[in-house]
Amino acid sequence: MSPSPAPLLQNRLDVHDRKQFEIKLEYQPSGADDETRYLVETYVFLPSSLNIDAETYPRSAFYADIHNYVRFKTPVMSLAELLSSDSAPLARLEAGLLTGLVSEADLVYQSKLLSCIFRGVLRRFANGVDEQCEGLARGPAESVCARLESEAHTVSDGARRVLERFRAWARSANRYRLQEKTRASIRLVDEYMSLTVEQFFRKAVADMDALPRSGVYFELRKELMDEVLREEQYRKDHQLRSVISPTGDNEEYMHRFGFLKKFCMNILFLSARRNQKRQGWEEVLFALAAGVAMAFATSVAFWAQVRYTQVSLNFFLIMVVGYMMKDRIKEGMRRIFSQVASRHLYDRTAGIVDPVTEKCLGTCEEKVDYGRAVRVPAEVAALRSRDDFITVSQGELTETVIRYQKQVVLDVELLPRTERGVSGITDIIRLNVERFLRDMDEPEYALEYVDLEDFSVGRVRGAKSYQVDLAFRFIVQEAGQERVSLQLVRLVMDRNGIKRMLRLYPEQPFRPEPLRSAA
């Protein structure tokens, strides 16, 4: 039975830290069409007391608060495939070293690709453990427990075999005349894979915290932690400073781990080359405004020449008034055309480029609208009307609405292909909310409280927070069909940052509809 195809668009909404909200989008074309179009609309509903509008928070400031990463999706392989497939990075590394037909740059590339795929396997395992532990916490089930035990044994054994085989290859590579930079890169990949085992196996054991600490549950923890301790000892034996200290601040550990992750995953990242598409159209519109104003001024001058002599006072006054009107017509039409441009043109346009092949895989366009320029779709407004507070605020209390649109068009023919089909693209957007916090009140107050026994007056703590709603509309257009999905979350914030995120309306499955243009 063939595996079910991956969804065309997946998303993950989460709080990255106290000051950043993260949107992770995974674009996965099916390959049924030469071009796939993705449109993501984000509606931010802000209380008016936060003093956010187009003047206090202009487009340039909004874009400055957005940090964007675009990369290829990590290829999906199992540990068994990593060990047995001829197309896996391990096999390519071994074959490349034997034949000598592979460049050193490709050896480094395949090593990094191995670490990325290896990380993906362990991450999926750790996430699966978390989900299964939640089910076991609600009520132990023998089948779930057996599956968890089997998966843990398979993954720990497979991870150890992958590491042993890669390290054996790395030792054999030392016998060849490789550049020192290549040798150092291989050592760093080895260290990162060791840390990856520690990261996700520790996470899996931490997720088992609510389970009993005896029997099979104890053996599960012990097997995973034995692998963690083995890798920790390996790094100590090689004098690597990426070892957690129970008493220190682990600054060196965090620095090395962050650097190694960026170093190994940079082979997947794409570049966004911006162009000034909107600016060019605006210049055309502004030139048209200047032409209309000049045509008016010239008409007035021709009429004045016919009606009055050029040396008369009337001719002079008419020319002055004509120039004044010309200037106002020009500026007025510039404002009108600017509003038209902002309504129909995107603010920023960029090409998504593979830095290795220099091929443009698609385009990315972004746009921000404020206040009255934002038309909230009926289905988005309906999501928010389920809350009485929101229903009242929409009608009587003012709020600021910001709409951020992002449209990505991918050329499917240029995307890499794997054994599982077309390789997708991951788009990570981080929005810094620090500007939203500036006009917030103090996060804590003291409330007077009366004790009912002796009527003494005391004080209790009162926390002041603000609620910011984010509604998302995800649209995918492919093969003559349009698929739409909605999601609504709420950020609870105070002056110190984001306290938590609430999922008010979880994402619903995409509903396919014919494209309007195809109807």
Protein backbone atom coordinates (compact mmCIF):
# COMPACT_ATOMS: atom_id res chain seq x y z
CA MET A 1 0.00 0.00 0.00
CA SER A 2 1.53 3.31 -1.11
CA PRO A 3 1.81 6.09 1.49
CA SER A 4 -0.81 8.83 1.36
CA PRO A 5 0.40 12.03 -0.34
CA ALA A 6 1.61 14.86 1.88
CA PRO A 7 -0.77 17.83 2.35
CA LEU A 8 -0.18 20.69 -0.08
CA LEU A 9 0.24 23.15 2.80
CA GLN A 10 0.99 22.43 6.43
CA ASN A 11 1.41 25.00 9.18
CA ARG A 12 2.56 25.18 12.75
CA LEU A 13 1.75 28.20 14.91
CA ASP A 14 3.71 28.56 18.13
CA VAL A 15 5.37 30.96 20.54
CA HIS A 16 9.09 31.02 19.83
CA ASP A 17 9.96 33.06 22.93
CA ARG A 18 8.57 35.92 25.01
CA LYS A 19 9.00 38.44 22.20
CA GLN A 20 8.50 36.35 19.04
CA PHE A 21 5.58 34.49 17.48
CA GLU A 22 6.48 31.86 14.89
CA ILE A 23 4.59 30.68 11.82
CA LYS A 24 6.06 27.61 10.14
CA LEU A 25 4.66 26.87 6.69
CA GLU A 26 5.48 23.84 4.58
CA TYR A 27 4.66 24.15 0.89
CA GLN A 28 4.42 20.72 -0.70
CA PRO A 29 3.28 20.75 -4.35
CA SER A 30 1.78 17.46 -5.53
CA GLY A 31 3.39 17.69 -8.96
CA ALA A 32 -0.02 17.64 -10.68
CA ASP A 33 0.55 21.12 -12.11
CA ASP A 34 3.53 23.09 -13.43
CA GLU A 35 2.84 25.87 -10.95
CA THR A 36 1.40 25.94 -7.44
CA ARG A 37 0.24 29.15 -5.79
CA TYR A 38 0.04 29.66 -2.02
CA LEU A 39 -1.61 32.64 -0.34
CA VAL A 40 -1.37 33.14 3.41
CA GLU A 41 -3.44 35.94 4.93
CA THR A 42 -2.78 36.92 8.54
CA TYR A 43 -5.21 39.26 10.32
CA VAL A 44 -3.92 40.80 13.56
CA PHE A 45 -6.64 42.29 15.78
CA LEU A 46 -5.14 44.74 18.29
CA PRO A 47 -6.86 46.67 21.10
CA SER A 48 -6.90 50.39 20.29
CA SER A 49 -5.20 51.11 23.64
CA LEU A 50 -1.96 49.72 22.22
CA ASN A 51 -1.73 52.77 19.91
CA ILE A 52 -0.90 50.83 16.76
CA ASP A 53 -1.81 52.28 13.38
CA ALA A 54 -0.27 53.17 10.02
CA GLU A 55 1.43 56.28 11.49
CA THR A 56 2.84 54.84 14.74
CA TYR A 57 3.73 51.49 13.15
CA PRO A 58 4.49 52.07 9.45
CA ARG A 59 5.10 49.34 6.91
CA SER A 60 8.88 49.69 7.18
CA ALA A 61 8.70 49.05 10.94
CA PHE A 62 6.41 46.05 10.45
CA TYR A 63 8.77 44.46 7.93
CA ALA A 64 11.71 45.18 10.23
CA ASP A 65 9.96 43.09 12.90
CA ILE A 66 9.64 40.10 10.56
CA HIS A 67 12.45 37.58 10.36
CA ASN A 68 12.04 35.13 7.50
CA TYR A 69 13.78 31.83 6.71
CA VAL A 70 13.09 29.90 3.51
CA ARG A 71 14.64 26.48 2.92
CA PHE A 72 14.06 23.12 1.31
CA LYS A 73 12.12 20.63 3.37
CA THR A 74 14.41 18.12 5.00
CA PRO A 75 14.34 14.88 2.94
CA VAL A 76 12.38 12.17 4.73
CA MET A 77 14.14 8.83 5.21
CA SER A 78 14.00 6.19 7.91
CA LEU A 79 17.08 4.94 9.74
CA ALA A 80 16.79 1.68 7.80
CA GLU A 81 16.84 3.60 4.52
CA LEU A 82 19.84 5.64 5.69
CA LEU A 83 21.70 2.38 6.27
CA SER A 84 20.58 0.41 3.19
CA SER A 85 19.61 2.75 0.35
CA ASP A 86 22.18 3.44 -2.37
CA SER A 87 20.79 6.97 -2.71
CA ALA A 88 21.28 7.73 0.99
CA PRO A 89 24.09 10.14 1.97
CA LEU A 90 26.00 7.37 3.80
CA ALA A 91 26.26 5.22 0.67
CA ARG A 92 27.23 8.23 -1.44
CA LEU A 93 29.95 9.21 1.02
CA GLU A 94 31.45 5.72 0.99
CA ALA A 95 31.23 5.41 -2.79
CA GLY A 96 32.67 8.88 -3.31
CA LEU A 97 35.70 8.12 -1.16
CA LEU A 98 36.38 4.81 -2.92
CA THR A 99 36.06 6.11 -6.47
CA GLY A 100 37.66 9.48 -5.87
CA LEU A 101 35.25 11.01 -8.38
CA VAL A 102 33.51 13.22 -5.82
CA SER A 103 34.81 16.64 -4.87
CA GLU A 104 35.58 17.57 -1.29
CA ALA A 105 32.75 20.10 -1.39
CA ASP A 106 30.34 17.29 -2.23
CA LEU A 107 31.69 15.17 0.62
CA VAL A 108 30.92 18.02 3.01
CA TYR A 109 27.49 18.50 1.41
CA GLN A 110 26.57 14.82 1.78
CA SER A 111 27.81 14.82 5.38
CA LYS A 112 25.62 17.80 6.23
CA LEU A 113 22.67 16.26 4.40
CA LEU A 114 23.12 13.09 6.45
CA SER A 115 22.99 15.10 9.68
CA CYS A 116 19.81 16.89 8.55
CA ILE A 117 18.02 13.64 7.66
CA PHE A 118 19.30 12.03 10.88
CA ARG A 119 17.92 14.95 12.89
CA GLY A 120 14.55 14.64 11.14
CA VAL A 121 14.28 10.95 12.06
CA LEU A 122 15.04 11.56 15.75
CA ARG A 123 12.72 14.59 15.88
CA ARG A 124 9.81 12.55 14.51
CA PHE A 125 10.58 9.83 17.06
CA ALA A 126 10.63 12.29 19.97
CA ASN A 127 7.37 13.91 18.83
CA GLY A 128 5.79 10.46 18.53
CA VAL A 129 6.88 9.58 22.06
CA ASP A 130 5.27 12.77 23.33
CA GLU A 131 1.96 11.94 21.64
CA GLN A 132 1.95 8.35 22.84
CA CYS A 133 2.85 9.35 26.41
CA GLU A 134 -0.12 11.71 26.49
CA GLY A 135 -2.35 8.79 25.52
CA LEU A 136 -0.78 6.52 28.13
CA ALA A 137 -1.18 9.18 30.83
CA ARG A 138 -4.94 9.17 30.27
CA GLY A 139 -5.10 5.42 30.59
CA PRO A 140 -2.36 2.76 30.13
CA ALA A 141 -2.79 0.64 27.03
CA GLU A 142 -0.69 -2.48 26.45
CA SER A 143 -0.61 -2.04 22.67
CA VAL A 144 0.63 1.53 22.92
CA CYS A 145 3.25 0.56 25.47
CA ALA A 146 4.50 -2.29 23.30
CA ARG A 147 4.70 -0.02 20.27
CA LEU A 148 6.57 2.62 22.26
CA GLU A 149 9.06 0.03 23.48
CA SER A 150 9.60 -1.34 19.98
CA GLU A 151 10.09 2.10 18.44
CA ALA A 152 12.54 3.18 21.15
CA HIS A 153 14.63 0.04 20.66
CA THR A 154 14.58 0.37 16.85
CA VAL A 155 15.54 4.04 16.87
CA SER A 156 18.27 3.77 19.50
CA ASP A 157 19.82 0.77 17.73
CA GLY A 158 19.52 2.40 14.29
CA ALA A 159 20.96 5.72 15.49
CA ARG A 160 23.96 3.93 17.00
CA ARG A 161 24.59 2.02 13.76
CA VAL A 162 24.38 5.20 11.66
CA LEU A 163 26.86 6.98 13.92
CA GLU A 164 29.26 4.02 13.96
CA ARG A 165 29.20 3.75 10.19
CA PHE A 166 29.67 7.48 9.65
CA ARG A 167 32.56 7.60 12.12
CA ALA A 168 34.20 4.61 10.45
CA TRP A 169 33.95 6.48 7.13
CA ALA A 170 35.37 9.63 8.74
CA ARG A 171 38.38 7.67 10.06
CA SER A 172 39.03 6.20 6.63
CA ALA A 173 38.73 9.70 5.11
CA ASN A 174 41.64 10.82 7.29
CA ARG A 175 43.94 8.60 5.20
CA TYR A 176 43.24 10.72 2.14
CA ARG A 177 44.79 14.09 1.43
CA LEU A 178 41.80 16.22 2.27
CA GLN A 179 42.01 19.91 3.01
CA GLU A 180 41.97 20.86 6.67
CA LYS A 181 38.70 22.74 6.17
CA THR A 182 37.08 19.55 4.86
CA ARG A 183 38.38 17.52 7.82
CA ALA A 184 37.13 20.17 10.25
CA SER A 185 33.70 20.20 8.59
CA ILE A 186 33.40 16.42 8.95
CA ARG A 187 34.37 16.65 12.63
CA LEU A 188 31.71 19.32 13.23
CA VAL A 189 29.05 17.20 11.51
CA ASP A 190 30.02 14.29 13.77
CA GLU A 191 29.69 16.50 16.85
CA TYR A 192 26.30 17.81 15.71
CA MET A 193 24.93 14.30 15.15
CA SER A 194 26.12 13.33 18.63
CA LEU A 195 24.34 16.34 20.11
CA THR A 196 21.22 15.51 18.09
CA VAL A 197 21.03 12.11 19.78
CA GLU A 198 21.35 13.80 23.15
CA GLN A 199 18.76 16.48 22.36
CA PHE A 200 15.92 14.26 21.17
CA PHE A 201 16.54 11.25 23.42
CA ARG A 202 16.58 13.57 26.45
CA LYS A 203 13.35 15.12 25.19
CA ALA A 204 11.77 11.68 24.83
CA VAL A 205 12.74 10.74 28.39
CA ALA A 206 11.49 14.10 29.71
CA ASP A 207 8.13 13.50 27.98
CA MET A 208 7.88 10.19 29.89
CA ASP A 209 8.02 12.03 33.22
CA ALA A 210 4.35 11.39 34.06
CA LEU A 211 4.63 7.63 33.41
CA PRO A 212 5.44 5.06 36.13
CA ARG A 213 9.11 4.64 37.01
CA SER A 214 9.15 0.87 37.13
CA GLY A 215 8.92 -2.11 34.82
CA VAL A 216 8.98 -1.51 31.10
CA TYR A 217 8.81 2.27 31.56
CA PHE A 218 12.08 2.19 33.51
CA GLU A 219 13.74 0.05 30.82
CA LEU A 220 12.57 2.50 28.12
CA ARG A 221 14.17 5.41 29.91
CA LYS A 222 17.35 3.48 30.64
CA GLU A 223 17.86 2.43 27.02
CA LEU A 224 17.52 5.98 25.74
CA MET A 225 19.66 7.53 28.47
CA ASP A 226 22.39 4.93 27.90
CA GLU A 227 22.70 6.30 24.37
CA VAL A 228 22.80 9.86 25.70
CA LEU A 229 25.58 8.98 28.17
CA ARG A 230 27.49 7.08 25.47
CA GLU A 231 27.47 10.15 23.21
CA GLU A 232 28.37 12.45 26.07
CA GLN A 233 31.39 10.27 26.89
CA TYR A 234 32.34 10.23 23.20
CA ARG A 235 32.49 14.02 23.15
CA LYS A 236 34.50 14.07 26.39
CA ASP A 237 36.97 11.57 24.95
CA HIS A 238 37.49 13.85 21.95
CA GLN A 239 37.94 16.98 24.12
CA LEU A 240 34.80 18.64 22.78
CA ARG A 241 33.32 21.39 24.95
CA SER A 242 29.68 20.62 24.08
CA VAL A 243 28.93 18.81 27.34
CA ILE A 244 26.17 19.90 29.71
CA SER A 245 27.35 20.97 33.16
CA PRO A 246 24.79 20.51 36.00
CA THR A 247 26.31 23.43 37.93
CA GLY A 248 27.50 25.83 35.21
CA ASP A 249 25.60 28.21 32.93
CA ASN A 250 26.36 26.05 29.84
CA GLU A 251 27.07 29.12 27.73
CA GLU A 252 29.69 27.26 25.68
CA TYR A 253 27.32 24.32 25.15
CA MET A 254 24.52 26.57 23.88
CA HIS A 255 26.87 28.50 21.61
CA ARG A 256 28.34 25.38 20.01
CA PHE A 257 24.97 23.72 19.60
CA GLY A 258 23.49 26.79 17.90
CA PHE A 259 26.50 27.19 15.62
CA LEU A 260 26.56 23.52 14.64
CA LYS A 261 22.85 23.54 13.79
CA LYS A 262 23.27 26.53 11.49
CA PHE A 263 26.44 25.09 9.97
CA CYS A 264 24.86 21.74 9.09
CA MET A 265 21.47 23.01 7.95
CA ASN A 266 22.74 25.86 5.75
CA ILE A 267 22.76 23.52 2.72
CA LEU A 268 18.94 23.57 2.77
CA PHE A 269 18.49 27.34 2.96
CA LEU A 270 17.37 29.37 -0.03
CA SER A 271 17.99 33.05 -0.71
CA ALA A 272 15.36 35.70 -1.41
CA ARG A 273 16.47 38.27 -3.98
CA ARG A 274 14.24 41.30 -3.79
CA ASN A 275 13.24 43.51 -6.68
CA GLN A 276 11.33 46.81 -6.89
CA LYS A 277 8.32 45.69 -8.89
CA ARG A 278 5.85 47.93 -7.05
CA GLN A 279 8.18 50.94 -7.18
CA GLY A 280 8.35 50.67 -10.97
CA TRP A 281 4.57 50.65 -11.34
CA GLU A 282 4.22 53.54 -8.88
CA GLU A 283 6.66 55.63 -10.91
CA VAL A 284 4.53 55.01 -14.01
CA LEU A 285 1.37 56.09 -12.14
CA PHE A 286 3.09 59.17 -10.72
CA ALA A 287 4.32 60.12 -14.20
CA LEU A 288 0.72 59.79 -15.40
CA ALA A 289 -0.41 62.13 -12.59
CA ALA A 290 2.24 64.67 -13.58
CA GLY A 291 1.11 64.42 -17.21
CA VAL A 292 -2.54 65.05 -16.35
CA ALA A 293 -1.59 68.06 -14.21
CA MET A 294 0.63 69.44 -16.98
CA ALA A 295 -2.14 68.98 -19.54
CA PHE A 296 -4.46 71.04 -17.33
CA ALA A 297 -1.86 73.82 -16.88
CA THR A 298 -1.10 73.94 -20.60
CA SER A 299 -4.82 74.15 -21.47
CA VAL A 300 -5.21 77.07 -19.06
CA ALA A 301 -2.17 78.80 -20.62
CA PHE A 302 -3.55 78.38 -24.17
CA TRP A 303 -6.96 79.72 -23.12
CA ALA A 304 -5.39 82.71 -21.33
CA GLN A 305 -3.29 83.57 -24.40
CA VAL A 306 -6.40 83.67 -26.56
CA ARG A 307 -8.51 85.58 -24.03
CA TYR A 308 -5.96 88.13 -22.74
CA THR A 309 -2.70 89.70 -23.81
CA GLN A 310 0.41 88.28 -22.18
CA VAL A 311 1.35 91.55 -20.51
CA SER A 312 -1.98 92.03 -18.77
CA LEU A 313 -2.70 91.56 -15.08
CA ASN A 314 -5.52 89.11 -15.83
CA PHE A 315 -3.18 86.88 -17.82
CA PHE A 316 -0.68 86.94 -14.94
CA LEU A 317 -3.32 86.00 -12.34
CA ILE A 318 -4.76 83.21 -14.49
CA MET A 319 -1.28 81.71 -14.98
CA VAL A 320 -0.61 81.81 -11.23
CA VAL A 321 -3.94 80.15 -10.45
CA GLY A 322 -3.34 77.59 -13.20
CA TYR A 323 0.04 76.69 -11.71
CA MET A 324 -1.53 76.37 -8.24
CA MET A 325 -4.20 74.05 -9.58
CA LYS A 326 -1.62 72.07 -11.52
CA ASP A 327 0.38 71.48 -8.37
CA ARG A 328 -2.70 70.39 -6.38
CA ILE A 329 -3.95 68.15 -9.20
CA LYS A 330 -0.57 66.45 -9.37
CA GLU A 331 -0.36 65.81 -5.60
CA GLY A 332 -4.00 64.75 -5.39
CA MET A 333 -3.62 62.23 -8.19
CA ARG A 334 -0.38 60.96 -6.64
CA ARG A 335 -2.27 60.21 -3.42
CA ILE A 336 -5.08 58.51 -5.33
CA PHE A 337 -2.69 56.42 -7.40
CA SER A 338 -0.67 55.56 -4.30
CA GLN A 339 -3.82 54.23 -2.63
CA VAL A 340 -4.66 52.25 -5.76
CA ALA A 341 -1.13 50.83 -5.84
CA SER A 342 -1.27 49.85 -2.16
CA ARG A 343 -4.60 48.14 -2.72
CA HIS A 344 -3.64 46.15 -5.80
CA LEU A 345 0.17 45.84 -5.74
CA TYR A 346 2.39 44.02 -3.26
CA ASP A 347 4.87 45.98 -1.16
CA ARG A 348 7.80 43.62 -1.67
CA THR A 349 8.62 41.05 -4.30
CA ALA A 350 11.47 38.56 -4.16
CA GLY A 351 12.69 35.62 -6.19
CA ILE A 352 13.29 32.35 -4.30
CA VAL A 353 16.73 31.27 -5.52
CA ASP A 354 18.69 28.08 -4.93
CA PRO A 355 22.18 29.43 -4.10
CA VAL A 356 23.81 26.22 -5.38
CA THR A 357 22.22 26.06 -8.85
CA GLU A 358 21.31 29.77 -9.10
CA LYS A 359 17.86 28.73 -10.36
CA CYS A 360 14.82 30.83 -9.45
CA LEU A 361 12.38 28.31 -7.96
CA GLY A 362 9.51 30.77 -7.59
CA THR A 363 8.45 34.18 -6.34
CA CYS A 364 7.39 35.56 -2.99
CA GLU A 365 5.25 38.70 -2.62
CA GLU A 366 4.31 40.47 0.61
CA LYS A 367 1.83 43.17 1.50
CA VAL A 368 0.66 44.96 4.66
CA ASP A 369 -2.60 46.90 5.07
CA TYR A 370 -3.98 48.86 8.01
CA GLY A 371 -7.32 50.02 9.34
CA ARG A 372 -9.98 50.90 6.78
CA ALA A 373 -7.95 49.43 3.93
CA VAL A 374 -8.44 45.99 5.49
CA ARG A 375 -11.56 44.09 4.56
CA VAL A 376 -11.95 41.18 6.95
CA PRO A 377 -13.51 38.19 5.12
CA ALA A 378 -16.91 37.08 6.37
CA GLU A 379 -15.61 33.63 7.35
CA VAL A 380 -12.84 35.18 9.48
CA ALA A 381 -15.28 37.55 11.19
CA ALA A 382 -17.58 34.58 11.84
CA LEU A 383 -14.78 32.77 13.69
CA ARG A 384 -14.33 35.67 16.09
CA SER A 385 -18.04 36.24 16.66
CA ARG A 386 -18.19 33.09 18.77
CA ASP A 387 -16.82 35.12 21.71
CA ASP A 388 -19.16 37.71 23.30
CA PHE A 389 -16.24 40.03 24.06
CA ILE A 390 -15.17 40.01 20.43
CA THR A 391 -18.73 40.38 19.14
CA VAL A 392 -19.17 43.55 21.21
CA SER A 393 -15.73 44.97 20.34
CA GLN A 394 -16.42 44.60 16.63
CA GLY A 395 -19.50 46.74 16.93
CA GLU A 396 -18.84 49.26 19.70
CA LEU A 397 -15.21 49.19 20.82
CA THR A 398 -12.51 50.23 18.38
CA GLU A 399 -9.63 47.95 17.48
CA THR A 400 -6.84 48.10 14.95
CA VAL A 401 -6.65 45.46 12.24
CA ILE A 402 -3.43 44.69 10.39
CA ARG A 403 -3.49 42.36 7.41
CA TYR A 404 -0.27 40.71 6.29
CA GLN A 405 -0.48 38.84 2.99
CA LYS A 406 2.16 36.54 1.62
CA GLN A 407 1.85 34.93 -1.80
CA VAL A 408 4.32 32.26 -2.89
CA VAL A 409 4.31 30.84 -6.43
CA LEU A 410 6.51 27.78 -6.98
CA ASP A 411 7.74 26.46 -10.30
CA VAL A 412 7.26 22.74 -9.73
CA GLU A 413 9.47 21.77 -12.68
CA LEU A 414 12.51 23.36 -11.02
CA LEU A 415 12.02 21.85 -7.55
CA PRO A 416 14.25 18.90 -6.64
CA ARG A 417 12.69 15.45 -6.80
CA THR A 418 13.27 12.52 -4.46
CA GLU A 419 12.09 8.94 -4.41
CA ARG A 420 9.00 10.18 -2.58
CA GLY A 421 8.16 12.84 -5.19
CA VAL A 422 8.62 16.60 -5.43
CA SER A 423 10.64 18.17 -2.63
CA GLY A 424 8.76 20.95 -0.85
CA ILE A 425 9.84 24.21 0.75
CA THR A 426 9.70 25.26 4.40
CA ASP A 427 8.94 28.91 5.18
CA ILE A 428 9.51 30.12 8.75
CA ILE A 429 8.20 33.57 9.71
CA ARG A 430 8.96 35.10 13.10
CA LEU A 431 7.07 38.22 14.14
CA ASN A 432 8.63 40.31 16.88
CA VAL A 433 5.80 41.71 19.05
CA GLU A 434 7.92 44.10 21.08
CA ARG A 435 6.27 47.15 19.48
CA PHE A 436 2.88 45.92 20.71
CA LEU A 437 4.15 46.02 24.31
CA ARG A 438 5.31 49.64 24.46
CA ASP A 439 2.01 51.23 25.53
CA MET A 440 0.84 48.44 27.83
CA ASP A 441 0.16 49.10 31.51
CA GLU A 442 2.12 47.61 34.39
CA PRO A 443 1.77 43.81 34.36
CA GLU A 444 0.88 43.51 38.06
CA TYR A 445 -1.48 45.36 40.38
CA ALA A 446 -2.49 45.04 44.02
CA LEU A 447 -6.23 44.46 44.53
CA GLU A 448 -7.96 45.17 47.84
CA TYR A 449 -9.53 42.08 49.35
CA VAL A 450 -11.90 41.84 52.35
CA ASP A 451 -11.71 38.75 54.58
CA LEU A 452 -15.25 37.55 55.35
CA GLU A 453 -14.37 36.23 58.83
CA ASP A 454 -13.07 39.40 60.47
CA PHE A 455 -13.60 41.89 57.61
CA SER A 456 -9.94 42.75 57.60
CA VAL A 457 -8.66 44.35 54.43
CA GLY A 458 -5.73 42.84 52.60
CA ARG A 459 -4.24 42.85 49.15
CA VAL A 460 -4.09 40.19 46.48
CA ARG A 461 -2.16 40.07 43.24
CA GLY A 462 -3.87 41.14 40.02
CA ALA A 463 -2.25 40.39 36.67
CA LYS A 464 -2.89 42.82 33.80
CA SER A 465 -2.84 41.24 30.34
CA TYR A 466 -3.94 42.05 26.80
CA GLN A 467 -5.40 39.71 24.23
CA VAL A 468 -4.37 39.89 20.58
CA ASP A 469 -6.16 37.67 18.08
CA LEU A 470 -4.47 36.32 14.97
CA ALA A 471 -6.67 34.83 12.27
CA PHE A 472 -5.16 32.93 9.36
CA ARG A 473 -6.59 32.05 5.99
CA PHE A 474 -4.53 29.57 3.99
CA ILE A 475 -5.29 29.26 0.27
CA VAL A 476 -3.71 26.81 -2.17
CA GLN A 477 -4.32 26.97 -5.92
CA GLU A 478 -3.24 24.00 -7.98
CA ALA A 479 -4.56 22.08 -10.99
CA GLY A 480 -7.64 24.28 -11.38
CA GLN A 481 -8.75 23.91 -7.75
CA GLU A 482 -8.62 26.22 -4.76
CA ARG A 483 -8.31 24.84 -1.24
CA VAL A 484 -9.07 27.07 1.74
CA SER A 485 -8.40 26.54 5.45
CA LEU A 486 -8.92 28.80 8.49
CA GLN A 487 -7.30 29.02 11.90
CA LEU A 488 -7.66 31.38 14.87
CA VAL A 489 -5.30 31.78 17.82
CA ARG A 490 -5.06 34.29 20.65
CA LEU A 491 -1.88 35.68 22.20
CA VAL A 492 -2.19 36.63 25.86
CA MET A 493 0.48 39.28 26.50
CA ASP A 494 1.66 41.72 29.12
CA ARG A 495 4.39 44.33 29.08
CA ASN A 496 7.03 41.61 29.52
CA GLY A 497 5.99 39.75 26.37
CA ILE A 498 3.86 36.77 25.36
CA LYS A 499 2.50 34.78 28.29
CA ARG A 500 0.76 32.01 26.34
CA MET A 501 -1.08 31.15 23.15
CA LEU A 502 -4.65 29.85 23.00
CA ARG A 503 -6.03 27.95 20.02
CA LEU A 504 -9.56 29.30 19.62
CA TYR A 505 -10.28 27.62 16.31
CA PRO A 506 -7.97 24.79 15.29
CA GLU A 507 -7.19 24.36 11.63
CA GLN A 508 -9.83 22.56 9.60
CA PRO A 509 -9.03 20.34 6.60
CA PHE A 510 -8.68 22.09 3.26
CA ARG A 511 -11.87 22.16 1.24
CA PRO A 512 -11.26 21.94 -2.51
CA GLU A 513 -13.23 24.32 -4.72
CA PRO A 514 -12.99 25.17 -8.43
CA LEU A 515 -10.95 28.29 -9.16
CA ARG A 516 -13.10 31.30 -9.95
CA SER A 517 -11.15 31.92 -13.14
CA ALA A 518 -11.79 28.35 -14.24
CA ALA A 519 -15.52 28.48 -13.53
